Protein backbone atom coordinates (compact mmCIF):
# COMPACT_ATOMS: atom_id res chain seq x y z
CA MET A 1 -4.95 -3.54 8.45
CA VAL A 2 -1.28 -3.14 7.75
CA ASP A 3 0.61 -3.82 11.41
CA GLN A 4 3.46 -1.00 10.58
CA ARG A 5 5.56 -2.18 13.50
CA LYS A 6 5.64 -5.62 12.64
CA ILE A 7 7.42 -4.09 9.07
CA GLU A 8 9.65 -2.10 11.02
CA GLU A 9 11.16 -4.80 12.59
CA ALA A 10 11.02 -6.93 9.94
CA VAL A 11 12.79 -4.40 7.79
CA LEU A 12 15.10 -3.88 10.57
CA SER A 13 16.26 -7.41 10.39
CA ILE A 14 16.74 -7.51 6.56
CA ILE A 15 19.04 -4.71 7.35
CA GLU A 16 21.15 -5.88 9.38
CA ALA A 17 21.26 -9.24 7.53
CA ILE A 18 22.24 -7.48 4.54
CA GLY A 19 25.57 -6.47 6.47
CA GLU A 20 24.81 -3.14 7.07
CA ASP A 21 24.46 -0.88 10.38
CA PRO A 22 21.12 0.23 10.93
CA LYS A 23 22.16 3.35 12.92
CA ARG A 24 24.02 4.37 9.96
CA GLN A 25 22.50 8.26 9.05
CA GLY A 26 21.32 7.27 6.10
CA LEU A 27 19.48 3.78 7.39
CA VAL A 28 17.86 5.69 10.54
CA GLY A 29 14.66 6.40 9.30
CA THR A 30 14.57 3.34 6.46
CA PRO A 31 12.41 1.14 9.01
CA ARG A 32 9.98 3.66 9.41
CA ARG A 33 9.86 5.02 5.87
CA ILE A 34 9.31 1.48 3.94
CA ALA A 35 6.58 0.43 7.29
CA GLU A 36 4.27 4.03 5.84
CA MET A 37 5.00 3.12 2.29
CA TYR A 38 3.72 -0.59 2.31
CA ALA A 39 1.11 1.37 4.21
CA GLU A 40 -0.13 2.92 0.91
CA LEU A 41 1.04 0.01 -1.87
CA PHE A 42 -1.52 -2.01 0.12
CA MET A 43 -3.78 -0.17 1.12
CA GLY A 44 -6.42 -2.36 -1.07
CA ILE A 45 -6.60 -5.02 0.68
CA ASP A 46 -9.30 -4.53 2.88
CA LEU A 47 -11.48 -2.48 0.57
CA ASP A 48 -14.05 -3.97 -1.48
CA PRO A 49 -14.07 -2.29 -5.07
CA LYS A 50 -17.61 -2.94 -5.99
CA GLY A 51 -18.79 0.15 -2.75
CA GLU A 52 -17.08 2.25 -5.68
CA LEU A 53 -19.36 1.30 -8.19
CA THR A 54 -23.19 1.34 -6.07
CA VAL A 55 -24.05 4.73 -7.58
CA SER A 56 -24.89 4.85 -11.44
CA PHE A 57 -26.67 7.38 -13.14
CA GLU A 58 -29.64 6.07 -15.98
CA GLU A 59 -28.83 7.55 -19.40
CA GLY A 60 -30.19 4.73 -21.52
CA HIS A 61 -27.00 4.08 -23.15
CA HIS A 62 -26.40 0.44 -24.75
CA GLU A 63 -23.59 1.50 -26.43
CA MET A 64 -19.59 0.55 -25.72
CA VAL A 65 -18.42 2.89 -22.54
CA ILE A 66 -13.72 2.67 -22.50
CA LEU A 67 -11.92 4.04 -20.23
CA ARG A 68 -8.22 3.82 -21.27
CA ASP A 69 -5.19 4.32 -19.80
CA ILE A 70 -5.57 4.17 -16.50
CA PRO A 71 -1.68 3.68 -14.94
CA PHE A 72 -1.39 1.78 -12.31
CA TYR A 73 1.48 0.00 -9.39
CA SER A 74 0.91 -2.78 -8.29
CA MET A 75 3.61 -5.30 -5.98
CA CYS A 76 4.22 -8.12 -7.24
CA GLU A 77 3.76 -11.53 -4.62
CA HIS A 78 6.15 -13.14 -5.91
CA HIS A 79 9.06 -10.69 -5.11
CA LEU A 80 7.45 -7.47 -3.33
CA LEU A 81 8.74 -5.45 -6.21
CA PRO A 82 6.41 -3.32 -8.22
CA PHE A 83 4.59 -3.83 -11.34
CA TYR A 84 2.57 -0.99 -13.37
CA GLY A 85 1.58 -0.02 -16.54
CA VAL A 86 -1.84 1.14 -17.91
CA VAL A 87 -5.19 -1.35 -17.59
CA HIS A 88 -8.15 -0.41 -20.63
CA ILE A 89 -11.68 -1.09 -19.12
CA GLY A 90 -14.93 -1.61 -21.63
CA TYR A 91 -18.12 -2.01 -21.10
CA ILE A 92 -22.17 -2.68 -22.34
CA PRO A 93 -24.05 -1.42 -19.60
CA LYS A 94 -27.89 -2.24 -19.83
CA GLY A 95 -29.32 1.60 -19.81
CA SER A 96 -27.23 3.01 -16.25
CA VAL A 97 -23.51 4.09 -16.42
CA VAL A 98 -21.34 4.61 -13.37
CA GLY A 99 -18.63 7.76 -13.10
CA ALA A 100 -15.13 7.08 -15.24
CA SER A 101 -13.46 7.92 -11.69
CA LYS A 102 -15.64 5.04 -10.18
CA LEU A 103 -13.77 2.71 -12.20
CA ALA A 104 -10.31 3.79 -11.89
CA ARG A 105 -10.82 3.59 -8.25
CA VAL A 106 -11.57 -0.48 -8.80
CA VAL A 107 -7.97 -0.38 -10.55
CA GLU A 108 -6.39 1.55 -7.59
CA ILE A 109 -8.52 -0.95 -4.75
CA LEU A 110 -7.55 -4.08 -6.61
CA SER A 111 -4.37 -3.14 -7.43
CA LYS A 112 -3.03 -1.67 -3.90
CA ARG A 113 -2.39 -5.64 -3.21
CA PRO A 114 0.22 -8.53 -3.05
CA GLN A 115 -1.33 -9.11 -6.70
CA LEU A 116 -0.17 -11.16 -9.77
CA GLN A 117 -1.60 -9.07 -13.39
CA GLU A 118 -3.65 -11.66 -14.51
CA ARG A 119 -5.45 -12.52 -11.38
CA LEU A 120 -5.80 -8.00 -11.27
CA THR A 121 -7.12 -8.47 -15.07
CA THR A 122 -9.68 -10.92 -14.23
CA GLN A 123 -10.82 -9.50 -10.12
CA ILE A 124 -11.39 -6.01 -12.37
CA ALA A 125 -13.85 -7.93 -14.83
CA GLU A 126 -15.39 -9.69 -12.30
CA THR A 127 -15.35 -6.38 -9.89
CA ILE A 128 -17.68 -4.68 -12.84
CA VAL A 129 -20.09 -7.74 -13.73
CA GLU A 130 -21.26 -8.29 -10.34
CA ALA A 131 -21.41 -4.81 -9.69
CA LEU A 132 -22.72 -3.57 -12.57
CA GLN A 133 -24.14 -6.48 -14.81
CA PRO A 134 -23.63 -5.24 -17.95
CA ASP A 135 -24.30 -6.93 -21.18
CA GLY A 136 -19.92 -7.23 -21.75
CA VAL A 137 -16.95 -5.80 -20.12
CA ALA A 138 -13.09 -6.43 -20.86
CA VAL A 139 -10.01 -5.50 -19.27
CA VAL A 140 -6.16 -5.47 -21.19
CA ILE A 141 -3.59 -5.13 -19.09
CA GLN A 142 0.36 -3.90 -20.45
CA ALA A 143 2.66 -3.60 -17.26
CA GLU A 144 6.48 -3.69 -17.14
CA HIS A 145 7.48 -5.63 -14.37
CA MET A 146 10.63 -4.93 -11.97
CA CYS A 147 11.19 -8.55 -11.18
CA MET A 148 11.73 -9.37 -14.57
CA THR A 149 14.37 -5.65 -15.27
CA ILE A 150 16.37 -5.23 -12.53
CA ARG A 151 17.02 -9.15 -11.89
CA GLY A 152 16.20 -12.70 -12.82
CA VAL A 153 16.14 -12.21 -16.84
CA LYS A 154 17.23 -8.55 -16.48
CA LYS A 155 14.84 -7.46 -19.48
CA PRO A 156 13.51 -3.63 -19.14
CA GLY A 157 10.99 -2.43 -21.74
CA SER A 158 9.40 -6.35 -22.29
CA ASN A 159 5.94 -6.25 -21.01
CA VAL A 160 3.59 -8.30 -20.59
CA ILE A 161 -0.49 -7.97 -21.61
CA THR A 162 -3.24 -9.87 -20.24
CA SER A 163 -7.29 -9.82 -20.99
CA ALA A 164 -10.07 -10.58 -19.64
CA THR A 165 -13.47 -10.75 -21.56
CA ARG A 166 -17.50 -11.33 -20.28
CA GLY A 167 -20.53 -11.30 -21.55
CA LEU A 168 -20.65 -10.02 -24.97
CA PHE A 169 -17.05 -9.28 -25.55
CA ARG A 170 -16.01 -12.66 -25.35
CA ALA A 171 -19.66 -14.08 -27.18
CA LYS A 172 -18.31 -11.64 -29.96
CA ALA A 173 -15.41 -11.38 -32.05
CA ALA A 174 -16.79 -8.01 -33.81
CA THR A 175 -17.31 -5.89 -30.06
CA ARG A 176 -13.93 -7.33 -29.08
CA SER A 177 -12.72 -6.38 -32.39
CA GLU A 178 -13.79 -2.97 -31.90
CA PHE A 179 -13.08 -2.85 -27.84
CA MET A 180 -8.98 -3.18 -28.90
CA SER A 181 -8.80 -0.82 -32.12
CA LEU A 182 -10.33 1.67 -29.63
CA VAL A 183 -7.57 1.18 -27.23
CA GLN A 184 -5.39 1.11 -29.74
CA GLY A 185 -6.57 4.55 -31.18
CA ARG A 186 -7.62 3.33 -34.05
């Protein structure tokens, strides 16, 4: 659970440390607002994403299921700056399928933690493997990182693309290629 009081104290110290007056009209409520924002941005820390995948439907479906263009926002753990983009998930069920919104909820929970894109990609894939035990899972994330856009190298528009494949997506190039072509809209 996020300790909003500690965050407020820390933000107050930061405001003072940068040479600003925390009592100035525009800054008076800033520590509270940031504490509330952090509670929202990091709400996934205490949640188990596998819990979202407990209800499935026996449909006898054994072909690829893809949910693409799932928007997400996360916070890079190195600078506590946002990175954001889209997640594409594919899985090959063993007959049982889950609601598409449940896959999006897994993304939401895992992205609402201090993260690295590479870890997020792996965690999404592993959560689906552990919860659904499908024949295969593929996850691709494309994201822009504010730590590269507004500081440091300052290269807006640069995207990082990561992938994780399990089961048939890793073992069979044709399955992986089918997923990638469907994700890319071809």
